[in-house]
Amino acid sequence: MTVIFTALGTGACTLGGAAAGGYVGNRATNGSAVGTVGGAVAGGVIGHELGK
């Protein structure tokens, strides 16, 4: 999966990271909107950095 995101560029890595982070944040906080958004932001930042 990482290979696909790397081939598509930084935008895809950011999007993938945000999606994964949002999912984990949602599950970790039992569906809290703040947890979901926080996870998505954190995941997006990580994905962006990994895509560089």
C-alpha atoms as a PDB file:
ATOM      1  CA  MET A   1       0.000   0.000   0.000  1.00  0.00           C
ATOM      2  CA  THR A   2       2.854   2.368   0.776  1.00  0.00           C
ATOM      3  CA  VAL A   3       4.288   1.703  -2.679  1.00  0.00           C
ATOM      4  CA  ILE A   4       1.028   2.831  -4.298  1.00  0.00           C
ATOM      5  CA  PHE A   5       0.884   6.037  -2.256  1.00  0.00           C
ATOM      6  CA  THR A   6       4.538   6.796  -2.972  1.00  0.00           C
ATOM      7  CA  ALA A   7       3.987   6.318  -6.697  1.00  0.00           C
ATOM      8  CA  LEU A   8       1.040   8.725  -6.645  1.00  0.00           C
ATOM      9  CA  GLY A   9       2.931  11.462  -4.793  1.00  0.00           C
ATOM     10  CA  THR A  10       2.613  13.467  -1.609  1.00  0.00           C
ATOM     11  CA  GLY A  11      -1.111  14.189  -2.020  1.00  0.00           C
ATOM     12  CA  ALA A  12      -1.969  10.516  -1.992  1.00  0.00           C
ATOM     13  CA  CYS A  13       0.210   9.930   1.052  1.00  0.00           C
ATOM     14  CA  THR A  14      -1.479  12.787   2.864  1.00  0.00           C
ATOM     15  CA  LEU A  15      -4.920  11.489   1.947  1.00  0.00           C
ATOM     16  CA  GLY A  16      -4.086   7.934   2.976  1.00  0.00           C
ATOM     17  CA  GLY A  17      -2.620   9.088   6.260  1.00  0.00           C
ATOM     18  CA  ALA A  18      -5.645  11.254   7.011  1.00  0.00           C
ATOM     19  CA  ALA A  19      -8.025   8.386   6.277  1.00  0.00           C
ATOM     20  CA  ALA A  20      -6.086   5.939   8.435  1.00  0.00           C
ATOM     21  CA  GLY A  21      -5.645   8.488  11.225  1.00  0.00           C
ATOM     22  CA  GLY A  22      -9.332   9.382  11.186  1.00  0.00           C
ATOM     23  CA  TYR A  23     -10.276   5.732  11.480  1.00  0.00           C
ATOM     24  CA  VAL A  24      -7.882   5.089  14.347  1.00  0.00           C
ATOM     25  CA  GLY A  25      -8.923   8.297  16.110  1.00  0.00           C
ATOM     26  CA  ASN A  26     -12.583   7.340  15.779  1.00  0.00           C
ATOM     27  CA  ARG A  27     -12.015   3.854  17.161  1.00  0.00           C
ATOM     28  CA  ALA A  28      -9.702   5.004  19.961  1.00  0.00           C
ATOM     29  CA  THR A  29     -12.201   7.581  21.242  1.00  0.00           C
ATOM     30  CA  ASN A  30     -15.386   5.527  20.761  1.00  0.00           C
ATOM     31  CA  GLY A  31     -16.687   7.709  17.925  1.00  0.00           C
ATOM     32  CA  SER A  32     -15.797  11.124  19.285  1.00  0.00           C
ATOM     33  CA  ALA A  33     -15.806  13.772  16.556  1.00  0.00           C
ATOM     34  CA  VAL A  34     -12.808  15.491  18.146  1.00  0.00           C
ATOM     35  CA  GLY A  35     -10.881  12.217  18.231  1.00  0.00           C
ATOM     36  CA  THR A  36     -11.733  11.503  14.602  1.00  0.00           C
ATOM     37  CA  VAL A  37     -10.653  14.947  13.390  1.00  0.00           C
ATOM     38  CA  GLY A  38      -7.543  14.898  15.584  1.00  0.00           C
ATOM     39  CA  GLY A  39      -6.556  11.502  14.241  1.00  0.00           C
ATOM     40  CA  ALA A  40      -7.137  12.641  10.669  1.00  0.00           C
ATOM     41  CA  VAL A  41      -4.980  15.725  11.162  1.00  0.00           C
ATOM     42  CA  ALA A  42      -2.181  13.743  12.791  1.00  0.00           C
ATOM     43  CA  GLY A  43      -2.364  11.052  10.110  1.00  0.00           C
ATOM     44  CA  GLY A  44      -2.359  13.642   7.338  1.00  0.00           C
ATOM     45  CA  VAL A  45       0.749  15.299   8.710  1.00  0.00           C
ATOM     46  CA  ILE A  46       2.533  11.954   9.054  1.00  0.00           C
ATOM     47  CA  GLY A  47       1.477  10.906   5.564  1.00  0.00           C
ATOM     48  CA  HIS A  48       2.668  14.196   4.123  1.00  0.00           C
ATOM     49  CA  GLU A  49       6.066  13.829   5.782  1.00  0.00           C
ATOM     50  CA  LEU A  50       6.438  10.219   4.628  1.00  0.00           C
ATOM     51  CA  GLY A  51       5.600  11.251   1.074  1.00  0.00           C
ATOM     52  CA  LYS A  52       8.464  13.731   0.821  1.00  0.00           C
END
